[in-house]
PDB file of N, CA and C in Angstrom:
ATOM      1  N   MET A   1      52.252  47.003  10.170  1.00  0.00           N
ATOM      2  CA  MET A   1      51.128  46.801  10.302  1.00  0.00           C
ATOM      3  C   MET A   1      50.560  47.235  11.695  1.00  0.00           C
ATOM      4  N   THR A   2      49.795  48.220  11.832  1.00  0.00           N
ATOM      5  CA  THR A   2      48.960  48.822  13.256  1.00  0.00           C
ATOM      6  C   THR A   2      47.722  47.668  13.543  1.00  0.00           C
ATOM      7  N   ALA A   3      47.265  47.688  15.001  1.00  0.00           N
ATOM      8  CA  ALA A   3      46.893  46.784  16.000  1.00  0.00           C
ATOM      9  C   ALA A   3      45.367  46.965  14.875  1.00  0.00           C
ATOM     10  N   SER A   4      44.859  48.408  14.329  1.00  0.00           N
ATOM     11  CA  SER A   4      43.652  48.582  13.834  1.00  0.00           C
ATOM     12  C   SER A   4      44.007  47.584  12.452  1.00  0.00           C
ATOM     13  N   LYS A   5      44.478  47.713  11.450  1.00  0.00           N
ATOM     14  CA  LYS A   5      44.780  47.516  10.269  1.00  0.00           C
ATOM     15  C   LYS A   5      44.809  45.875  10.599  1.00  0.00           C
ATOM     16  N   TRP A   6      45.431  45.129  11.805  1.00  0.00           N
ATOM     17  CA  TRP A   6      45.055  43.765  11.982  1.00  0.00           C
ATOM     18  C   TRP A   6      44.249  42.687  12.381  1.00  0.00           C
ATOM     19  N   SER A   7      43.382  43.885  13.024  1.00  0.00           N
ATOM     20  CA  SER A   7      41.671  44.004  13.260  1.00  0.00           C
ATOM     21  C   SER A   7      40.939  43.732  11.765  1.00  0.00           C
ATOM     22  N   GLN A   8      40.889  44.630  11.009  1.00  0.00           N
ATOM     23  CA  GLN A   8      40.731  44.405  10.169  1.00  0.00           C
ATOM     24  C   GLN A   8      40.903  42.886   9.398  1.00  0.00           C
ATOM     25  N   VAL A   9      41.688  42.868   8.720  1.00  0.00           N
ATOM     26  CA  VAL A   9      42.151  41.432   8.127  1.00  0.00           C
ATOM     27  C   VAL A   9      41.798  40.344   8.668  1.00  0.00           C
ATOM     28  N   ALA A  10      41.310  40.663   9.862  1.00  0.00           N
ATOM     29  CA  ALA A  10      41.163  39.295  10.919  1.00  0.00           C
ATOM     30  C   ALA A  10      39.624  39.812  10.611  1.00  0.00           C
ATOM     31  N   VAL A  11      38.416  40.393  10.787  1.00  0.00           N
ATOM     32  CA  VAL A  11      37.023  40.600  10.246  1.00  0.00           C
ATOM     33  C   VAL A  11      37.562  40.343   8.573  1.00  0.00           C
ATOM     34  N   LEU A  12      37.622  40.858   8.017  1.00  0.00           N
ATOM     35  CA  LEU A  12      37.748  40.414   6.859  1.00  0.00           C
ATOM     36  C   LEU A  12      37.608  38.870   6.055  1.00  0.00           C
ATOM     37  N   ALA A  13      38.754  38.491   7.103  1.00  0.00           N
ATOM     38  CA  ALA A  13      39.327  36.593   6.819  1.00  0.00           C
ATOM     39  C   ALA A  13      38.268  35.439   7.223  1.00  0.00           C
ATOM     40  N   ALA A  14      37.656  36.403   8.495  1.00  0.00           N
ATOM     41  CA  ALA A  14      36.547  35.752   8.994  1.00  0.00           C
ATOM     42  C   ALA A  14      35.188  35.418   8.626  1.00  0.00           C
ATOM     43  N   LEU A  15      34.881  36.564   7.411  1.00  0.00           N
ATOM     44  CA  LEU A  15      33.725  37.348   6.969  1.00  0.00           C
ATOM     45  C   LEU A  15      34.023  35.892   5.316  1.00  0.00           C
ATOM     46  N   ILE A  16      35.024  35.739   4.652  1.00  0.00           N
ATOM     47  CA  ILE A  16      35.312  34.922   3.755  1.00  0.00           C
ATOM     48  C   ILE A  16      35.348  33.395   3.748  1.00  0.00           C
ATOM     49  N   GLY A  17      36.104  33.728   5.301  1.00  0.00           N
ATOM     50  CA  GLY A  17      35.546  32.490   5.321  1.00  0.00           C
ATOM     51  C   GLY A  17      34.306  31.549   5.429  1.00  0.00           C
ATOM     52  N   SER A  18      33.698  32.050   6.525  1.00  0.00           N
ATOM     53  CA  SER A  18      32.043  32.204   6.903  1.00  0.00           C
ATOM     54  C   SER A  18      31.513  31.487   5.749  1.00  0.00           C
ATOM     55  N   SER A  19      31.329  32.569   4.450  1.00  0.00           N
ATOM     56  CA  SER A  19      30.654  32.177   3.274  1.00  0.00           C
ATOM     57  C   SER A  19      30.816  31.064   2.860  1.00  0.00           C
ATOM     58  N   GLY A  20      31.547  30.706   2.880  1.00  0.00           N
ATOM     59  CA  GLY A  20      32.127  29.427   1.604  1.00  0.00           C
ATOM     60  C   GLY A  20      31.199  28.562   2.913  1.00  0.00           C
ATOM     61  N   VAL A  21      31.232  27.752   4.263  1.00  0.00           N
ATOM     62  CA  VAL A  21      30.453  27.355   5.022  1.00  0.00           C
ATOM     63  C   VAL A  21      29.292  26.725   4.831  1.00  0.00           C
ATOM     64  N   ALA A  22      28.671  28.301   4.353  1.00  0.00           N
ATOM     65  CA  ALA A  22      27.033  28.825   4.907  1.00  0.00           C
ATOM     66  C   ALA A  22      26.838  28.525   3.097  1.00  0.00           C
ATOM     67  N   LEU A  23      27.487  28.663   2.426  1.00  0.00           N
ATOM     68  CA  LEU A  23      27.456  28.392   0.637  1.00  0.00           C
ATOM     69  C   LEU A  23      27.069  26.941   1.052  1.00  0.00           C
ATOM     70  N   ALA A  24      28.300  25.783   1.513  1.00  0.00           N
ATOM     71  CA  ALA A  24      28.076  24.930   1.472  1.00  0.00           C
ATOM     72  C   ALA A  24      27.543  23.707   1.593  1.00  0.00           C
ATOM     73  N   LYS A  25      26.755  24.566   2.882  1.00  0.00           N
ATOM     74  CA  LYS A  25      25.446  23.502   3.287  1.00  0.00           C
ATOM     75  C   LYS A  25      24.519  23.783   3.004  1.00  0.00           C
ATOM     76  N   GLU A  26      23.838  24.514   1.800  1.00  0.00           N
ATOM     77  CA  GLU A  26      22.658  24.630   0.843  1.00  0.00           C
ATOM     78  C   GLU A  26      23.828  24.856  -0.294  1.00  0.00           C
ATOM     79  N   PRO A  27      22.446  23.513  -0.840  1.00  0.00           N
ATOM     80  CA  PRO A  27      22.296  23.434  -2.192  1.00  0.00           C
ATOM     81  C   PRO A  27      21.514  24.564  -3.024  1.00  0.00           C
ATOM     82  N   MET A  28      22.462  24.808  -4.238  1.00  0.00           N
ATOM     83  CA  MET A  28      21.575  26.013  -5.226  1.00  0.00           C
ATOM     84  C   MET A  28      20.225  25.782  -5.199  1.00  0.00           C
ATOM     85  N   HIS A  29      20.217  24.289  -5.881  1.00  0.00           N
ATOM     86  CA  HIS A  29      18.957  23.512  -6.588  1.00  0.00           C
ATOM     87  C   HIS A  29      18.379  22.726  -5.821  1.00  0.00           C
ATOM     88  N   PRO A  30      17.407  22.070  -5.667  1.00  0.00           N
ATOM     89  CA  PRO A  30      16.985  20.358  -4.765  1.00  0.00           C
ATOM     90  C   PRO A  30      17.497  19.730  -5.905  1.00  0.00           C
ATOM     91  N   GLN A  31      17.944  18.484  -5.538  1.00  0.00           N
ATOM     92  CA  GLN A  31      18.372  17.501  -6.119  1.00  0.00           C
ATOM     93  C   GLN A  31      17.400  17.079  -6.504  1.00  0.00           C
ATOM     94  N   THR A  32      17.391  16.776  -8.103  1.00  0.00           N
ATOM     95  CA  THR A  32      16.273  16.043  -8.971  1.00  0.00           C
ATOM     96  C   THR A  32      15.911  14.812  -9.043  1.00  0.00           C
ATOM     97  N   HIS A  33      17.304  14.175  -9.095  1.00  0.00           N
ATOM     98  CA  HIS A  33      18.044  12.768  -9.322  1.00  0.00           C
ATOM     99  C   HIS A  33      18.637  11.867  -8.658  1.00  0.00           C
ATOM    100  N   HIS A  34      18.514  10.578  -8.358  1.00  0.00           N
ATOM    101  CA  HIS A  34      19.528  10.122  -7.616  1.00  0.00           C
ATOM    102  C   HIS A  34      19.806   8.471  -8.626  1.00  0.00           C
ATOM    103  N   CYS A  35      20.521   7.938  -7.356  1.00  0.00           N
ATOM    104  CA  CYS A  35      21.267   6.809  -7.585  1.00  0.00           C
ATOM    105  C   CYS A  35      20.504   5.716  -7.598  1.00  0.00           C
ATOM    106  N   LYS A  36      20.017   5.012  -8.747  1.00  0.00           N
ATOM    107  CA  LYS A  36      19.577   3.245  -8.362  1.00  0.00           C
ATOM    108  C   LYS A  36      20.656   2.157  -8.840  1.00  0.00           C
ATOM    109  N   LEU A  37      20.244   1.516  -7.646  1.00  0.00           N
ATOM    110  CA  LEU A  37      21.947   0.946  -8.171  1.00  0.00           C
ATOM    111  C   LEU A  37      21.256  -0.413  -8.360  1.00  0.00           C
ATOM    112  N   ALA A  38      22.348  -1.284  -9.217  1.00  0.00           N
ATOM    113  CA  ALA A  38      21.754  -2.799  -9.251  1.00  0.00           C
ATOM    114  C   ALA A  38      21.094  -3.648  -8.767  1.00  0.00           C
ATOM    115  N   ASP A  39      20.911  -3.508  -7.517  1.00  0.00           N
ATOM    116  CA  ASP A  39      20.013  -4.667  -6.465  1.00  0.00           C
ATOM    117  C   ASP A  39      19.085  -3.544  -6.024  1.00  0.00           C
ATOM    118  N   GLY A  40      18.557  -2.468  -6.472  1.00  0.00           N
ATOM    119  CA  GLY A  40      17.167  -1.764  -6.248  1.00  0.00           C
ATOM    120  C   GLY A  40      16.996  -0.716  -5.541  1.00  0.00           C
ATOM    121  N   SER A  41      18.178  -0.848  -4.323  1.00  0.00           N
ATOM    122  CA  SER A  41      18.626   0.788  -3.413  1.00  0.00           C
ATOM    123  C   SER A  41      18.958   1.296  -3.963  1.00  0.00           C
ATOM    124  N   MET A  42      18.497   2.420  -3.556  1.00  0.00           N
ATOM    125  CA  MET A  42      18.999   3.700  -3.729  1.00  0.00           C
ATOM    126  C   MET A  42      20.259   4.571  -3.263  1.00  0.00           C
ATOM    127  N   ASP A  43      20.984   5.199  -3.710  1.00  0.00           N
ATOM    128  CA  ASP A  43      22.351   6.232  -2.978  1.00  0.00           C
ATOM    129  C   ASP A  43      22.344   7.218  -3.172  1.00  0.00           C
ATOM    130  N   MET A  44      21.614   8.233  -2.207  1.00  0.00           N
ATOM    131  CA  MET A  44      21.944   9.380  -2.216  1.00  0.00           C
ATOM    132  C   MET A  44      22.629  10.370  -2.561  1.00  0.00           C
ATOM    133  N   LYS A  45      23.972   9.938  -1.920  1.00  0.00           N
ATOM    134  CA  LYS A  45      24.845  10.655  -2.344  1.00  0.00           C
ATOM    135  C   LYS A  45      25.875  10.526  -3.412  1.00  0.00           C
ATOM    136  N   LYS A  46      25.917   9.408  -4.280  1.00  0.00           N
ATOM    137  CA  LYS A  46      26.274   9.399  -5.590  1.00  0.00           C
ATOM    138  C   LYS A  46      25.675  10.576  -6.292  1.00  0.00           C
ATOM    139  N   THR A  47      26.983  10.697  -7.097  1.00  0.00           N
ATOM    140  CA  THR A  47      27.027  11.838  -8.596  1.00  0.00           C
ATOM    141  C   THR A  47      26.888  11.114  -9.182  1.00  0.00           C
ATOM    142  N   HIS A  48      26.328  11.542 -10.753  1.00  0.00           N
ATOM    143  CA  HIS A  48      26.219  10.910 -12.114  1.00  0.00           C
ATOM    144  C   HIS A  48      27.146   9.979 -12.364  1.00  0.00           C
ATOM    145  N   LYS A  49      28.171  10.105 -12.147  1.00  0.00           N
ATOM    146  CA  LYS A  49      29.573   9.784 -13.094  1.00  0.00           C
ATOM    147  C   LYS A  49      29.805   9.079 -11.370  1.00  0.00           C
ATOM    148  N   GLN A  50      29.822   8.818 -10.644  1.00  0.00           N
ATOM    149  CA  GLN A  50      29.781   7.958  -9.544  1.00  0.00           C
ATOM    150  C   GLN A  50      29.097   6.700  -9.858  1.00  0.00           C
ATOM    151  N   CYS A  51      27.518   7.413 -10.079  1.00  0.00           N
ATOM    152  CA  CYS A  51      26.556   6.047  -9.897  1.00  0.00           C
ATOM    153  C   CYS A  51      27.288   5.355 -11.235  1.00  0.00           C
ATOM    154  N   THR A  52      27.430   5.827 -11.999  1.00  0.00           N
ATOM    155  CA  THR A  52      27.543   5.209 -13.622  1.00  0.00           C
ATOM    156  C   THR A  52      28.497   4.211 -13.183  1.00  0.00           C
ATOM    157  N   ALA A  53      29.760   4.676 -12.705  1.00  0.00           N
ATOM    158  CA  ALA A  53      30.419   3.802 -12.541  1.00  0.00           C
ATOM    159  C   ALA A  53      30.283   2.802 -11.918  1.00  0.00           C
ATOM    160  N   ALA A  54      29.322   2.872 -10.949  1.00  0.00           N
ATOM    161  CA  ALA A  54      28.754   1.432 -10.271  1.00  0.00           C
ATOM    162  C   ALA A  54      28.102   0.866 -11.122  1.00  0.00           C
ATOM    163  N   LYS A  55      27.719   1.062 -12.542  1.00  0.00           N
ATOM    164  CA  LYS A  55      26.654   0.064 -12.732  1.00  0.00           C
ATOM    165  C   LYS A  55      25.444   0.559 -12.432  1.00  0.00           C
ATOM    166  N   GLY A  56      25.096   1.458 -11.140  1.00  0.00           N
ATOM    167  CA  GLY A  56      23.816   2.170 -11.742  1.00  0.00           C
ATOM    168  C   GLY A  56      23.573   2.828 -12.560  1.00  0.00           C
ATOM    169  N   THR A  57      21.775   3.323 -12.629  1.00  0.00           N
ATOM    170  CA  THR A  57      21.115   4.363 -13.271  1.00  0.00           C
ATOM    171  C   THR A  57      20.616   5.871 -12.857  1.00  0.00           C
ATOM    172  N   TRP A  58      20.795   6.333 -13.369  1.00  0.00           N
ATOM    173  CA  TRP A  58      21.049   7.731 -12.846  1.00  0.00           C
ATOM    174  C   TRP A  58      19.594   8.066 -13.080  1.00  0.00           C
ATOM    175  N   ALA A  59      18.610   7.749 -11.944  1.00  0.00           N
ATOM    176  CA  ALA A  59      16.689   7.681 -11.921  1.00  0.00           C
ATOM    177  C   ALA A  59      16.376   9.382 -12.080  1.00  0.00           C
ATOM    178  N   LYS A  60      15.067   9.706 -12.818  1.00  0.00           N
ATOM    179  CA  LYS A  60      14.193  10.666 -12.017  1.00  0.00           C
ATOM    180  C   LYS A  60      13.786  10.580 -10.823  1.00  0.00           C
ATOM    181  N   ASP A  61      13.736  11.510  -9.845  1.00  0.00           N
ATOM    182  CA  ASP A  61      12.545  11.156  -8.636  1.00  0.00           C
ATOM    183  C   ASP A  61      11.586  11.747  -9.335  1.00  0.00           C
ATOM    184  N   ALA A  62      10.166  10.598  -8.777  1.00  0.00           N
ATOM    185  CA  ALA A  62       8.762  10.852  -8.803  1.00  0.00           C
ATOM    186  C   ALA A  62       8.267  12.592  -8.823  1.00  0.00           C
ATOM    187  N   PRO A  63       7.409  13.374  -9.790  1.00  0.00           N
ATOM    188  CA  PRO A  63       6.700  13.901  -9.109  1.00  0.00           C
ATOM    189  C   PRO A  63       6.048  13.988  -8.010  1.00  0.00           C
ATOM    190  N   ALA A  64       5.661  14.998  -6.912  1.00  0.00           N
ATOM    191  CA  ALA A  64       5.227  14.826  -5.761  1.00  0.00           C
ATOM    192  C   ALA A  64       3.666  14.927  -6.105  1.00  0.00           C
ATOM    193  N   THR A  65       3.050  13.676  -5.234  1.00  0.00           N
ATOM    194  CA  THR A  65       1.531  14.046  -5.794  1.00  0.00           C
ATOM    195  C   THR A  65       0.929  15.233  -4.690  1.00  0.00           C
ATOM    196  N   PRO A  66       0.669  16.060  -4.532  1.00  0.00           N
ATOM    197  CA  PRO A  66      -0.228  16.171  -3.588  1.00  0.00           C
ATOM    198  C   PRO A  66      -1.920  15.479  -3.468  1.00  0.00           C
ATOM    199  N   ALA A  67      -2.238  14.663  -1.954  1.00  0.00           N
ATOM    200  CA  ALA A  67      -2.925  14.670  -1.369  1.00  0.00           C
ATOM    201  C   ALA A  67      -4.216  15.000  -1.231  1.00  0.00           C
ATOM    202  N   PRO A  68      -5.908  14.220  -2.124  1.00  0.00           N
ATOM    203  CA  PRO A  68      -6.769  15.098  -2.113  1.00  0.00           C
ATOM    204  C   PRO A  68      -7.492  15.333  -1.149  1.00  0.00           C
ATOM    205  N   LYS A  69      -8.242  16.568  -1.224  1.00  0.00           N
ATOM    206  CA  LYS A  69      -8.353  17.684  -0.424  1.00  0.00           C
ATOM    207  C   LYS A  69      -9.872  17.058  -0.356  1.00  0.00           C
ATOM    208  N   ASP A  70     -10.338  16.087  -1.056  1.00  0.00           N
ATOM    209  CA  ASP A  70     -11.963  16.503  -0.785  1.00  0.00           C
ATOM    210  C   ASP A  70     -12.064  14.816  -0.310  1.00  0.00           C
ATOM    211  N   SER A  71     -11.265  13.748  -0.229  1.00  0.00           N
ATOM    212  CA  SER A  71     -11.591  13.073   0.230  1.00  0.00           C
ATOM    213  C   SER A  71     -11.250  12.534   1.200  1.00  0.00           C
ATOM    214  N   ALA A  72     -10.425  12.970   1.864  1.00  0.00           N
ATOM    215  CA  ALA A  72      -9.721  13.298   3.069  1.00  0.00           C
ATOM    216  C   ALA A  72     -10.915  13.157   4.424  1.00  0.00           C
ATOM    217  N   ALA A  73     -10.905  12.826   5.344  1.00  0.00           N
ATOM    218  CA  ALA A  73     -11.736  12.683   6.672  1.00  0.00           C
ATOM    219  C   ALA A  73     -11.376  13.350   7.373  1.00  0.00           C
ATOM    220  N   PRO A  74     -12.066  14.256   8.000  1.00  0.00           N
ATOM    221  CA  PRO A  74     -11.602  14.804   8.992  1.00  0.00           C
ATOM    222  C   PRO A  74     -11.012  14.498  10.307  1.00  0.00           C
ATOM    223  N   ALA A  75     -10.351  15.100  10.655  1.00  0.00           N
ATOM    224  CA  ALA A  75      -9.548  14.535  12.041  1.00  0.00           C
ATOM    225  C   ALA A  75     -10.310  14.433  12.977  1.00  0.00           C
ATOM    226  N   THR A  76     -10.834  13.456  14.144  1.00  0.00           N
ATOM    227  CA  THR A  76     -11.449  13.336  14.805  1.00  0.00           C
ATOM    228  C   THR A  76     -10.687  13.156  16.393  1.00  0.00           C
ATOM    229  N   PRO A  77     -10.818  13.954  17.212  1.00  0.00           N
ATOM    230  CA  PRO A  77     -10.386  13.421  18.786  1.00  0.00           C
ATOM    231  C   PRO A  77     -10.235  12.012  19.453  1.00  0.00           C
ATOM    232  N   ALA A  78      -9.757  11.696  19.595  1.00  0.00           N
ATOM    233  CA  ALA A  78      -9.152  10.311  20.017  1.00  0.00           C
ATOM    234  C   ALA A  78     -10.553  10.542  21.504  1.00  0.00           C
ATOM    235  N   PRO A  79     -11.415   8.961  21.656  1.00  0.00           N
ATOM    236  CA  PRO A  79     -12.162   9.105  22.566  1.00  0.00           C
ATOM    237  C   PRO A  79     -11.069   8.730  23.913  1.00  0.00           C
ATOM    238  N   LYS A  80     -11.850   9.696  25.083  1.00  0.00           N
ATOM    239  CA  LYS A  80     -11.593   9.773  26.562  1.00  0.00           C
ATOM    240  C   LYS A  80     -11.535   8.496  27.474  1.00  0.00           C
ATOM    241  N   LYS A  81     -11.104   8.328  28.234  1.00  0.00           N
ATOM    242  CA  LYS A  81     -11.723   6.892  29.003  1.00  0.00           C
ATOM    243  C   LYS A  81     -11.635   7.406  29.952  1.00  0.00           C
TER     244      LYS A  81
END
């Protein structure tokens, strides 16, 4: 193989290798369930299968509720000394 072919192979290998790393860092969908253990603690790293094997429950997260906009007081600056 010539030097230019080796460089093409190296570039292709780098692209393929780095694309897997990029995909592994970002989940496709946010996780909507978490493992709730018998003692009440939450284990965010367990999968459903691992959670049920550890006698935990696979609980769905509570939906996020937005803060009420009308009842919030406007922010006031701290008094100067």
